[in-house]
Amino acid sequence: MSATSKKDRDKQKRLKLSVEILKALGHPVRLQMVQMLEQGELCVLIFQEYFQLDFSTISRHLLKLTHAGILDFEKRGKFVYYRLKCPCILGIIECLQTAAAT
């Protein structure tokens, strides 16, 4: 196995993960969820109340963001709190919004 092929595989893996992150951000609700978390962690019930969506829909959106590596969560009793795993994602969102405004 050559070093170049390993580099190529690593590059392809990172590219694939980047695509998954962008896909996860590709829904207005999920994008807004990430923006809401800029201020700090939030309980799933806050999202449910804010978006007026049923619990299962909110959970699916949060799961997609978690699987993409954007969010992390912690269970405290019967409540689940979400936070940004990689806050630099907010810079990407800001860049996208700037591009959309031009």
N, C-alpha and C. Protein backbone atom coordinates (compact mmCIF):
# COMPACT_ATOMS: atom_id res chain seq x y z
N MET A 1 0.85 -1.17 0.00
CA MET A 1 0.00 0.00 0.00
C MET A 1 0.90 1.24 0.00
N SER A 2 0.68 2.10 -0.95
CA SER A 2 1.50 3.31 -1.03
C SER A 2 0.93 4.42 -0.17
N ALA A 3 1.79 5.36 0.18
CA ALA A 3 1.38 6.50 1.00
C ALA A 3 0.36 7.35 0.26
N THR A 4 0.51 7.44 -1.06
CA THR A 4 -0.40 8.24 -1.86
C THR A 4 -1.81 7.66 -1.80
N SER A 5 -1.94 6.36 -1.90
CA SER A 5 -3.28 5.76 -1.88
C SER A 5 -3.93 5.94 -0.51
N LYS A 6 -3.15 5.90 0.56
CA LYS A 6 -3.69 6.15 1.89
C LYS A 6 -4.14 7.60 2.00
N LYS A 7 -3.33 8.52 1.48
CA LYS A 7 -3.71 9.94 1.48
C LYS A 7 -5.00 10.14 0.69
N ASP A 8 -5.09 9.48 -0.44
CA ASP A 8 -6.29 9.60 -1.28
C ASP A 8 -7.52 9.06 -0.56
N ARG A 9 -7.36 7.94 0.12
CA ARG A 9 -8.49 7.36 0.87
C ARG A 9 -8.91 8.28 2.01
N ASP A 10 -7.92 8.85 2.71
CA ASP A 10 -8.22 9.77 3.80
C ASP A 10 -8.95 11.01 3.27
N LYS A 11 -8.47 11.51 2.14
CA LYS A 11 -9.09 12.68 1.53
C LYS A 11 -10.53 12.37 1.12
N GLN A 12 -10.75 11.21 0.53
CA GLN A 12 -12.09 10.81 0.12
C GLN A 12 -13.01 10.64 1.32
N LYS A 13 -12.48 10.10 2.41
CA LYS A 13 -13.27 9.93 3.63
C LYS A 13 -13.69 11.28 4.19
N ARG A 14 -12.75 12.23 4.25
CA ARG A 14 -13.07 13.58 4.74
C ARG A 14 -14.08 14.26 3.84
N LEU A 15 -13.95 14.06 2.54
CA LEU A 15 -14.89 14.64 1.58
C LEU A 15 -16.29 14.08 1.80
N LYS A 16 -16.38 12.78 1.99
CA LYS A 16 -17.67 12.13 2.23
C LYS A 16 -18.31 12.64 3.52
N LEU A 17 -17.51 12.79 4.58
CA LEU A 17 -18.02 13.32 5.85
C LEU A 17 -18.48 14.77 5.71
N SER A 18 -17.75 15.55 4.92
CA SER A 18 -18.13 16.94 4.67
C SER A 18 -19.48 17.01 3.96
N VAL A 19 -19.69 16.13 3.02
CA VAL A 19 -20.97 16.07 2.31
C VAL A 19 -22.10 15.73 3.28
N GLU A 20 -21.86 14.81 4.19
CA GLU A 20 -22.88 14.44 5.18
C GLU A 20 -23.22 15.62 6.09
N ILE A 21 -22.22 16.40 6.45
CA ILE A 21 -22.47 17.59 7.28
C ILE A 21 -23.33 18.59 6.51
N LEU A 22 -22.99 18.84 5.25
CA LEU A 22 -23.77 19.78 4.45
C LEU A 22 -25.19 19.28 4.22
N LYS A 23 -25.35 17.99 4.03
CA LYS A 23 -26.70 17.42 3.89
C LYS A 23 -27.50 17.63 5.16
N ALA A 24 -26.86 17.42 6.30
CA ALA A 24 -27.56 17.59 7.57
C ALA A 24 -28.00 19.04 7.76
N LEU A 25 -27.22 19.98 7.26
CA LEU A 25 -27.57 21.39 7.37
C LEU A 25 -28.56 21.82 6.29
N GLY A 26 -28.88 20.92 5.39
CA GLY A 26 -29.70 21.24 4.23
C GLY A 26 -31.19 21.33 4.47
N HIS A 27 -31.62 21.35 5.70
CA HIS A 27 -33.05 21.50 6.02
C HIS A 27 -33.20 22.75 6.88
N PRO A 28 -34.19 23.60 6.58
CA PRO A 28 -34.34 24.85 7.33
C PRO A 28 -34.47 24.67 8.85
N VAL A 29 -35.17 23.64 9.28
CA VAL A 29 -35.33 23.40 10.72
C VAL A 29 -33.99 23.05 11.34
N ARG A 30 -33.25 22.16 10.71
CA ARG A 30 -31.95 21.75 11.26
C ARG A 30 -30.96 22.91 11.26
N LEU A 31 -30.98 23.71 10.22
CA LEU A 31 -30.09 24.86 10.15
C LEU A 31 -30.42 25.83 11.29
N GLN A 32 -31.69 26.05 11.52
CA GLN A 32 -32.09 26.96 12.59
C GLN A 32 -31.77 26.38 13.97
N MET A 33 -31.89 25.06 14.12
CA MET A 33 -31.53 24.42 15.38
C MET A 33 -30.07 24.69 15.73
N VAL A 34 -29.21 24.54 14.73
CA VAL A 34 -27.78 24.78 14.95
C VAL A 34 -27.55 26.23 15.35
N GLN A 35 -28.22 27.14 14.68
CA GLN A 35 -28.08 28.56 15.02
C GLN A 35 -28.57 28.84 16.44
N MET A 36 -29.63 28.20 16.85
CA MET A 36 -30.16 28.39 18.21
C MET A 36 -29.14 27.95 19.26
N LEU A 37 -28.36 26.94 18.93
CA LEU A 37 -27.39 26.41 19.88
C LEU A 37 -26.13 27.27 20.01
N GLU A 38 -26.07 28.33 19.24
CA GLU A 38 -24.93 29.25 19.36
C GLU A 38 -24.86 29.83 20.78
N GLN A 39 -26.00 30.02 21.40
CA GLN A 39 -26.05 30.60 22.75
C GLN A 39 -25.75 29.59 23.86
N GLY A 40 -25.69 28.32 23.50
CA GLY A 40 -25.42 27.28 24.50
C GLY A 40 -26.39 26.12 24.35
N GLU A 41 -26.25 25.16 25.22
CA GLU A 41 -27.05 23.95 25.10
C GLU A 41 -28.53 24.23 25.34
N LEU A 42 -29.36 23.39 24.70
CA LEU A 42 -30.80 23.50 24.83
C LEU A 42 -31.41 22.12 25.00
N CYS A 43 -32.50 22.09 25.75
CA CYS A 43 -33.26 20.86 25.94
C CYS A 43 -34.12 20.61 24.71
N VAL A 44 -34.34 19.36 24.40
CA VAL A 44 -35.16 18.99 23.25
C VAL A 44 -36.55 19.62 23.33
N LEU A 45 -37.06 19.82 24.54
CA LEU A 45 -38.40 20.41 24.70
C LEU A 45 -38.44 21.85 24.19
N ILE A 46 -37.34 22.57 24.28
CA ILE A 46 -37.26 23.94 23.75
C ILE A 46 -37.46 23.93 22.24
N PHE A 47 -36.80 22.99 21.57
CA PHE A 47 -36.96 22.87 20.12
C PHE A 47 -38.40 22.53 19.75
N GLN A 48 -38.97 21.61 20.50
CA GLN A 48 -40.34 21.19 20.23
C GLN A 48 -41.30 22.38 20.37
N GLU A 49 -41.13 23.15 21.42
CA GLU A 49 -41.99 24.30 21.65
C GLU A 49 -41.77 25.38 20.58
N TYR A 50 -40.51 25.64 20.24
CA TYR A 50 -40.18 26.70 19.29
C TYR A 50 -40.73 26.38 17.89
N PHE A 51 -40.50 25.15 17.43
CA PHE A 51 -40.89 24.78 16.06
C PHE A 51 -42.33 24.30 15.96
N GLN A 52 -42.96 24.02 17.10
CA GLN A 52 -44.33 23.49 17.10
C GLN A 52 -44.45 22.23 16.24
N LEU A 53 -43.46 21.35 16.41
CA LEU A 53 -43.45 20.06 15.72
C LEU A 53 -43.53 18.96 16.76
N ASP A 54 -44.00 17.80 16.33
CA ASP A 54 -44.11 16.70 17.28
C ASP A 54 -42.73 16.20 17.67
N PHE A 55 -42.70 15.54 18.81
CA PHE A 55 -41.45 15.08 19.41
C PHE A 55 -40.65 14.19 18.46
N SER A 56 -41.31 13.29 17.74
CA SER A 56 -40.58 12.37 16.87
C SER A 56 -39.91 13.11 15.71
N THR A 57 -40.54 14.15 15.19
CA THR A 57 -39.95 14.94 14.10
C THR A 57 -38.72 15.69 14.61
N ILE A 58 -38.85 16.32 15.77
CA ILE A 58 -37.71 17.03 16.38
C ILE A 58 -36.57 16.05 16.63
N SER A 59 -36.89 14.89 17.17
CA SER A 59 -35.86 13.87 17.47
C SER A 59 -35.14 13.42 16.20
N ARG A 60 -35.87 13.25 15.11
CA ARG A 60 -35.23 12.84 13.85
C ARG A 60 -34.26 13.91 13.35
N HIS A 61 -34.67 15.17 13.45
CA HIS A 61 -33.77 16.26 13.04
C HIS A 61 -32.52 16.28 13.90
N LEU A 62 -32.68 16.16 15.19
CA LEU A 62 -31.54 16.18 16.11
C LEU A 62 -30.62 14.98 15.89
N LEU A 63 -31.22 13.84 15.61
CA LEU A 63 -30.43 12.63 15.35
C LEU A 63 -29.58 12.79 14.09
N LYS A 64 -30.17 13.38 13.05
CA LYS A 64 -29.42 13.60 11.81
C LYS A 64 -28.22 14.52 12.06
N LEU A 65 -28.44 15.57 12.84
CA LEU A 65 -27.35 16.50 13.16
C LEU A 65 -26.29 15.82 14.04
N THR A 66 -26.73 14.97 14.94
CA THR A 66 -25.80 14.24 15.81
C THR A 66 -24.98 13.25 15.00
N HIS A 67 -25.62 12.49 14.13
CA HIS A 67 -24.90 11.52 13.30
C HIS A 67 -23.90 12.18 12.36
N ALA A 68 -24.19 13.40 11.96
CA ALA A 68 -23.27 14.13 11.08
C ALA A 68 -22.08 14.71 11.85
N GLY A 69 -22.11 14.59 13.18
CA GLY A 69 -21.01 15.09 13.99
C GLY A 69 -21.13 16.56 14.35
N ILE A 70 -22.29 17.15 14.13
CA ILE A 70 -22.50 18.57 14.39
C ILE A 70 -22.88 18.80 15.85
N LEU A 71 -23.68 17.91 16.40
CA LEU A 71 -24.18 18.05 17.76
C LEU A 71 -23.69 16.93 18.66
N ASP A 72 -23.69 17.24 19.94
CA ASP A 72 -23.45 16.27 20.99
C ASP A 72 -24.61 16.41 21.96
N PHE A 73 -24.85 15.42 22.77
CA PHE A 73 -25.98 15.50 23.70
C PHE A 73 -25.63 14.86 25.03
N GLU A 74 -26.45 15.19 26.01
CA GLU A 74 -26.28 14.63 27.35
C GLU A 74 -27.66 14.42 27.95
N LYS A 75 -27.88 13.23 28.49
CA LYS A 75 -29.14 12.95 29.18
C LYS A 75 -28.99 13.35 30.64
N ARG A 76 -29.98 14.08 31.13
CA ARG A 76 -30.04 14.46 32.54
C ARG A 76 -31.43 14.12 33.04
N GLY A 77 -31.52 13.02 33.75
CA GLY A 77 -32.84 12.54 34.17
C GLY A 77 -33.63 12.14 32.95
N LYS A 78 -34.83 12.70 32.82
CA LYS A 78 -35.64 12.35 31.66
C LYS A 78 -35.51 13.36 30.52
N PHE A 79 -34.61 14.32 30.67
CA PHE A 79 -34.42 15.34 29.64
C PHE A 79 -33.10 15.12 28.90
N VAL A 80 -33.11 15.51 27.62
CA VAL A 80 -31.90 15.42 26.79
C VAL A 80 -31.53 16.83 26.35
N TYR A 81 -30.26 17.18 26.56
CA TYR A 81 -29.74 18.50 26.23
C TYR A 81 -28.76 18.37 25.08
N TYR A 82 -28.88 19.25 24.10
CA TYR A 82 -28.02 19.25 22.93
C TYR A 82 -27.11 20.47 22.94
N ARG A 83 -25.91 20.30 22.39
CA ARG A 83 -24.95 21.39 22.26
C ARG A 83 -24.15 21.16 20.97
N LEU A 84 -23.53 22.23 20.52
CA LEU A 84 -22.69 22.13 19.33
C LEU A 84 -21.42 21.36 19.66
N LYS A 85 -21.14 20.37 18.87
CA LYS A 85 -19.91 19.59 19.05
C LYS A 85 -18.74 20.34 18.42
N CYS A 86 -19.03 21.05 17.36
CA CYS A 86 -18.00 21.78 16.62
C CYS A 86 -18.54 23.19 16.32
N PRO A 87 -18.36 24.11 17.27
CA PRO A 87 -18.93 25.47 17.10
C PRO A 87 -18.47 26.19 15.83
N CYS A 88 -17.38 25.78 15.24
CA CYS A 88 -16.92 26.44 14.01
C CYS A 88 -17.91 26.26 12.87
N ILE A 89 -18.86 25.35 13.02
CA ILE A 89 -19.90 25.16 12.00
C ILE A 89 -20.70 26.45 11.80
N LEU A 90 -20.76 27.28 12.84
CA LEU A 90 -21.49 28.55 12.75
C LEU A 90 -20.85 29.47 11.72
N GLY A 91 -19.54 29.40 11.58
CA GLY A 91 -18.84 30.19 10.57
C GLY A 91 -19.23 29.77 9.16
N ILE A 92 -19.41 28.49 8.97
CA ILE A 92 -19.84 27.98 7.67
C ILE A 92 -21.25 28.48 7.36
N ILE A 93 -22.12 28.44 8.35
CA ILE A 93 -23.49 28.91 8.16
C ILE A 93 -23.50 30.40 7.84
N GLU A 94 -22.67 31.17 8.55
CA GLU A 94 -22.58 32.61 8.29
C GLU A 94 -22.10 32.86 6.86
N CYS A 95 -21.14 32.08 6.42
CA CYS A 95 -20.62 32.21 5.05
C CYS A 95 -21.71 31.90 4.03
N LEU A 96 -22.49 30.85 4.28
CA LEU A 96 -23.59 30.49 3.38
C LEU A 96 -24.63 31.61 3.31
N GLN A 97 -24.93 32.21 4.44
CA GLN A 97 -25.91 33.28 4.47
C GLN A 97 -25.39 34.53 3.77
N THR A 98 -24.11 34.80 3.89
CA THR A 98 -23.51 35.92 3.17
C THR A 98 -23.60 35.68 1.66
N ALA A 99 -23.28 34.47 1.25
CA ALA A 99 -23.35 34.12 -0.18
C ALA A 99 -24.78 34.22 -0.70
N ALA A 100 -25.74 33.83 0.12
CA ALA A 100 -27.15 33.88 -0.28
C ALA A 100 -27.66 35.32 -0.41
N ALA A 101 -27.03 36.23 0.33
CA ALA A 101 -27.47 37.63 0.32
C ALA A 101 -26.88 38.41 -0.85
N THR A 102 -25.91 37.84 -1.54
CA THR A 102 -25.28 38.58 -2.65
C THR A 102 -25.88 38.23 -3.98
